[in-house]
Amino acid sequence: MPKQNFFSYLHEKYETEFIYFDTFMEEALYSQLGFFNTAFVRSDKEGDFLTSPEVSEYFGKIIRNWINSESNLKNIIEIGSGTGSLIEQIGIKEITSVELSSTARQELIKKGIKTHSTIDELITKTSDLIFGNEILDNIPCSIGLYRDEGWYEKVVLLEETSLAYGLRPIRNEQLDWVNKNNIAPNEDYEFEIQVNIDKFLNSVIKKINPRKILLFDYGYEQKKQG
């Protein structure tokens, strides 16, 4: 991502002193200068990170066995396909891909995988299965924190030649999410506010009404205390 060009892009688009972190993450990942729209695919062995399908073929084989164990799973859609490695491992040619990255879509097209950039482009109104690997952690989040007896959000300050973090009072929608998820006030940590994940899942369900949803994301084991 060309550093100065990205600064100029943000300044020209927003003409404000700051943008919220989820907006910045959206631009940094998916804009015309974003991480996923560069000249090469990021999620492969020559890129910046690997996911399970690039590490082992058994990830896709396990999913294929599960699909085979279910009845009448047709009209299958993968969201966030990347290079299409998981679709290749599963081995069902009729799977449709939804991939936002223009660079990754070029790789999918080369492999003969039917692909769209968003779910809104899909003609179908129903699906037996929607699946995705590490898709939720690529959805822009807000960053919340509790300071001086109040809730705040991290923002990105659009300074003249650099970017910096700042704090602003939390927005109503983000505060509703905090309360809904029973986030306890604690000044010792920051946390992700996943409003956009909720919106994304609701939009998928409303648009396609899938019979089953299979999503994989990875974190750390948390053991119950006591």
Protein backbone atom coordinates (compact mmCIF):
# COMPACT_ATOMS: atom_id res chain seq x y z
CA MET A 1 0.00 0.00 0.00
CA PRO A 2 1.72 3.26 -1.06
CA LYS A 3 1.95 5.19 2.20
CA GLN A 4 1.54 8.78 1.02
CA ASN A 5 -1.08 7.82 -1.56
CA PHE A 6 -3.15 6.16 1.16
CA PHE A 7 -2.92 9.31 3.31
CA SER A 8 -4.05 11.42 0.40
CA TYR A 9 -6.86 9.01 -0.37
CA LEU A 10 -8.20 9.18 3.19
CA HIS A 11 -7.92 12.96 3.38
CA GLU A 12 -9.67 13.47 0.05
CA LYS A 13 -12.45 11.01 0.80
CA TYR A 14 -13.32 12.01 4.37
CA GLU A 15 -12.13 15.63 4.84
CA THR A 16 -12.39 15.13 8.62
CA GLU A 17 -9.95 15.14 11.52
CA PHE A 18 -10.57 11.49 12.35
CA ILE A 19 -12.37 8.33 11.28
CA TYR A 20 -13.56 5.48 13.49
CA PHE A 21 -11.40 2.37 13.59
CA ASP A 22 -13.90 0.17 11.73
CA THR A 23 -13.96 2.68 8.87
CA PHE A 24 -10.17 2.74 8.77
CA MET A 25 -10.01 -1.07 8.78
CA GLU A 26 -12.49 -1.21 5.89
CA GLU A 27 -10.35 1.19 3.85
CA ALA A 28 -7.04 -0.43 4.81
CA LEU A 29 -8.24 -3.88 3.74
CA TYR A 30 -10.70 -3.38 0.90
CA SER A 31 -10.33 0.05 -0.71
CA GLN A 32 -8.58 0.56 -4.04
CA LEU A 33 -5.30 0.90 -2.09
CA GLY A 34 -6.19 -1.79 0.42
CA PHE A 35 -4.25 -4.82 1.60
CA PHE A 36 -6.41 -7.33 -0.30
CA ASN A 37 -6.46 -5.40 -3.59
CA THR A 38 -2.74 -5.27 -4.31
CA ALA A 39 -0.95 -6.89 -7.25
CA PHE A 40 -0.60 -10.33 -5.62
CA VAL A 41 -2.77 -12.62 -3.53
CA ARG A 42 -2.08 -12.25 0.17
CA SER A 43 -3.34 -15.62 1.44
CA ASP A 44 -0.95 -18.13 -0.08
CA LYS A 45 2.58 -19.43 0.43
CA GLU A 46 4.09 -16.47 -1.44
CA GLY A 47 1.87 -13.98 0.38
CA ASP A 48 1.59 -12.65 3.93
CA PHE A 49 -0.38 -15.33 5.73
CA LEU A 50 -1.71 -18.87 5.41
CA THR A 51 -5.00 -20.42 6.45
CA SER A 52 -5.77 -24.08 7.09
CA PRO A 53 -6.47 -25.10 3.45
CA GLU A 54 -2.97 -23.92 2.44
CA VAL A 55 -1.41 -25.95 5.26
CA SER A 56 -3.17 -29.29 4.83
CA GLU A 57 -5.53 -30.91 2.34
CA TYR A 58 -7.35 -32.66 5.17
CA PHE A 59 -9.24 -29.53 6.19
CA GLY A 60 -11.19 -29.64 2.93
CA LYS A 61 -11.54 -33.41 3.02
CA ILE A 62 -13.13 -33.29 6.47
CA ILE A 63 -15.64 -30.71 5.24
CA ARG A 64 -16.37 -32.85 2.17
CA ASN A 65 -17.03 -35.87 4.40
CA TRP A 66 -19.40 -33.79 6.50
CA ILE A 67 -21.21 -32.54 3.36
CA ASN A 68 -21.55 -36.14 2.18
CA SER A 69 -23.03 -37.12 5.53
CA GLU A 70 -25.76 -34.51 5.20
CA SER A 71 -28.74 -34.94 2.89
CA ASN A 72 -29.40 -32.86 -0.22
CA LEU A 73 -26.81 -30.15 0.31
CA LYS A 74 -26.90 -28.38 -3.02
CA ASN A 75 -26.48 -24.77 -4.12
CA ILE A 76 -23.43 -24.38 -1.86
CA ILE A 77 -21.75 -20.97 -1.45
CA GLU A 78 -18.38 -20.09 0.07
CA ILE A 79 -17.87 -16.56 1.35
CA GLY A 80 -14.32 -15.23 1.39
CA SER A 81 -12.77 -17.88 -0.86
CA GLY A 82 -9.34 -16.32 -1.30
CA THR A 83 -7.44 -18.41 -3.84
CA GLY A 84 -10.15 -21.09 -3.91
CA SER A 85 -7.95 -23.70 -2.25
CA LEU A 86 -10.71 -24.88 0.07
CA ILE A 87 -13.19 -25.29 -2.78
CA GLU A 88 -10.56 -27.30 -4.67
CA GLN A 89 -10.01 -29.59 -1.66
CA ILE A 90 -13.72 -30.14 -1.14
CA GLY A 91 -13.94 -31.09 -4.79
CA ILE A 92 -17.48 -29.99 -5.61
CA LYS A 93 -17.35 -28.03 -8.87
CA GLU A 94 -20.77 -26.42 -8.43
CA ILE A 95 -19.73 -24.40 -5.36
CA THR A 96 -20.15 -20.66 -5.93
CA SER A 97 -17.64 -18.22 -4.47
CA VAL A 98 -18.18 -14.75 -3.00
CA GLU A 99 -14.86 -12.91 -2.74
CA LEU A 100 -14.41 -9.17 -2.18
CA SER A 101 -10.74 -8.99 -3.19
CA SER A 102 -10.36 -8.23 -6.90
CA THR A 103 -6.91 -9.85 -6.90
CA ALA A 104 -8.24 -13.09 -5.42
CA ARG A 105 -11.20 -13.11 -7.83
CA GLN A 106 -8.77 -13.21 -10.74
CA GLU A 107 -7.25 -16.40 -9.31
CA LEU A 108 -10.70 -17.91 -8.81
CA ILE A 109 -11.68 -17.16 -12.40
CA LYS A 110 -8.46 -18.78 -13.65
CA LYS A 111 -9.46 -21.95 -11.78
CA GLY A 112 -12.91 -21.95 -13.33
CA ILE A 113 -14.70 -21.18 -10.07
CA LYS A 114 -17.87 -19.15 -10.45
CA THR A 115 -17.36 -16.03 -8.37
CA HIS A 116 -19.08 -12.81 -7.29
CA SER A 117 -17.73 -9.84 -5.37
CA THR A 118 -20.66 -9.54 -2.91
CA ILE A 119 -23.68 -11.56 -1.84
CA ASP A 120 -25.90 -8.92 -3.46
CA GLU A 121 -24.67 -10.14 -6.86
CA LEU A 122 -26.01 -13.64 -6.25
CA ILE A 123 -29.04 -14.52 -8.33
CA THR A 124 -30.15 -17.32 -6.02
CA LYS A 125 -32.41 -16.50 -3.08
CA THR A 126 -31.81 -19.73 -1.18
CA SER A 127 -28.88 -21.96 -0.30
CA ASP A 128 -28.52 -25.31 1.41
CA LEU A 129 -25.09 -24.39 2.80
CA ILE A 130 -23.00 -21.26 3.21
CA PHE A 131 -19.50 -21.77 4.57
CA GLY A 132 -16.45 -19.61 5.16
CA ASN A 133 -12.95 -19.98 6.54
CA GLU A 134 -11.56 -17.05 8.55
CA ILE A 135 -14.13 -14.66 7.12
CA LEU A 136 -15.45 -13.12 10.34
CA ASP A 137 -12.07 -11.84 11.53
CA ASN A 138 -11.72 -9.90 8.26
CA ILE A 139 -14.92 -7.96 8.89
CA PRO A 140 -14.07 -4.45 10.16
CA CYS A 141 -14.56 -4.06 13.90
CA SER A 142 -14.62 -1.13 16.29
CA ILE A 143 -12.26 -0.92 19.26
CA GLY A 144 -13.86 -0.19 22.61
CA LEU A 145 -12.41 0.68 25.99
CA TYR A 146 -13.52 1.96 29.38
CA ARG A 147 -11.78 5.04 30.80
CA ASP A 148 -12.62 7.50 33.57
CA GLU A 149 -16.05 5.95 34.22
CA GLY A 150 -17.12 6.11 30.59
CA TRP A 151 -17.11 4.08 27.34
CA TYR A 152 -14.94 5.22 24.44
CA GLU A 153 -13.91 4.11 20.98
CA LYS A 154 -10.54 4.25 19.30
CA VAL A 155 -10.39 6.49 16.26
CA VAL A 156 -7.68 7.10 13.68
CA LEU A 157 -6.55 10.72 13.57
CA LEU A 158 -5.93 11.90 10.01
CA GLU A 159 -2.90 14.08 10.60
CA GLU A 160 -1.15 15.82 7.73
CA THR A 161 1.57 13.26 7.09
CA SER A 162 0.85 10.48 9.56
CA LEU A 163 -1.84 8.51 11.34
CA ALA A 164 -2.33 8.31 15.08
CA TYR A 165 -4.79 6.83 17.56
CA GLY A 166 -7.25 8.96 19.47
CA LEU A 167 -10.33 8.44 21.64
CA ARG A 168 -13.91 9.60 21.17
CA PRO A 169 -17.10 8.88 23.15
CA ILE A 170 -18.65 5.61 22.02
CA ARG A 171 -21.38 5.74 19.38
CA ASN A 172 -24.90 4.65 20.32
CA GLU A 173 -24.90 1.55 18.10
CA GLN A 174 -21.60 0.37 19.55
CA LEU A 175 -22.78 1.06 23.10
CA ASP A 176 -25.92 -0.99 22.47
CA TRP A 177 -23.68 -3.89 21.37
CA VAL A 178 -21.56 -3.55 24.54
CA ASN A 179 -24.65 -3.68 26.73
CA LYS A 180 -26.23 -6.51 24.75
CA ASN A 181 -23.10 -8.63 25.16
CA ASN A 182 -22.67 -7.81 28.84
CA ILE A 183 -19.18 -6.35 28.48
CA ALA A 184 -18.07 -5.40 31.98
CA PRO A 185 -16.33 -2.05 32.54
CA ASN A 186 -12.61 -2.70 32.92
CA GLU A 187 -9.85 -0.16 32.32
CA ASP A 188 -7.20 -2.88 31.92
CA TYR A 189 -8.06 -4.00 28.40
CA GLU A 190 -9.44 -3.01 25.00
CA PHE A 191 -11.91 -5.17 23.08
CA GLU A 192 -13.40 -5.62 19.63
CA ILE A 193 -16.94 -4.38 19.08
CA GLN A 194 -18.39 -6.67 16.40
CA VAL A 195 -21.41 -4.71 15.21
CA ASN A 196 -20.46 -5.34 11.60
CA ILE A 197 -20.36 -9.13 12.05
CA ASP A 198 -23.94 -9.03 13.29
CA LYS A 199 -24.94 -6.91 10.29
CA PHE A 200 -23.10 -9.23 7.90
CA LEU A 201 -24.73 -12.40 9.21
CA ASN A 202 -28.16 -10.79 9.21
CA SER A 203 -27.67 -9.67 5.60
CA VAL A 204 -26.62 -13.19 4.54
CA ILE A 205 -29.65 -14.75 6.21
CA LYS A 206 -32.01 -12.14 4.75
CA LYS A 207 -30.57 -12.40 1.22
CA ILE A 208 -30.07 -16.16 0.90
CA ASN A 209 -31.93 -17.84 3.79
CA PRO A 210 -29.42 -20.71 4.06
CA ARG A 211 -30.42 -24.03 5.58
CA LYS A 212 -27.00 -24.36 7.20
CA ILE A 213 -24.12 -21.98 7.97
CA LEU A 214 -20.61 -23.33 8.59
CA LEU A 215 -18.00 -20.74 9.63
CA PHE A 216 -14.43 -21.31 10.88
CA ASP A 217 -12.44 -18.77 12.86
CA TYR A 218 -9.64 -19.40 15.28
CA GLY A 219 -8.83 -18.09 18.75
CA TYR A 220 -7.52 -19.19 22.10
CA GLU A 221 -8.91 -21.74 24.52
CA GLN A 222 -10.62 -20.15 27.51
CA LYS A 223 -11.14 -22.44 30.47
CA LYS A 224 -13.88 -21.82 32.98
CA GLN A 225 -12.71 -20.68 36.38
CA GLY A 226 -13.79 -22.50 39.52
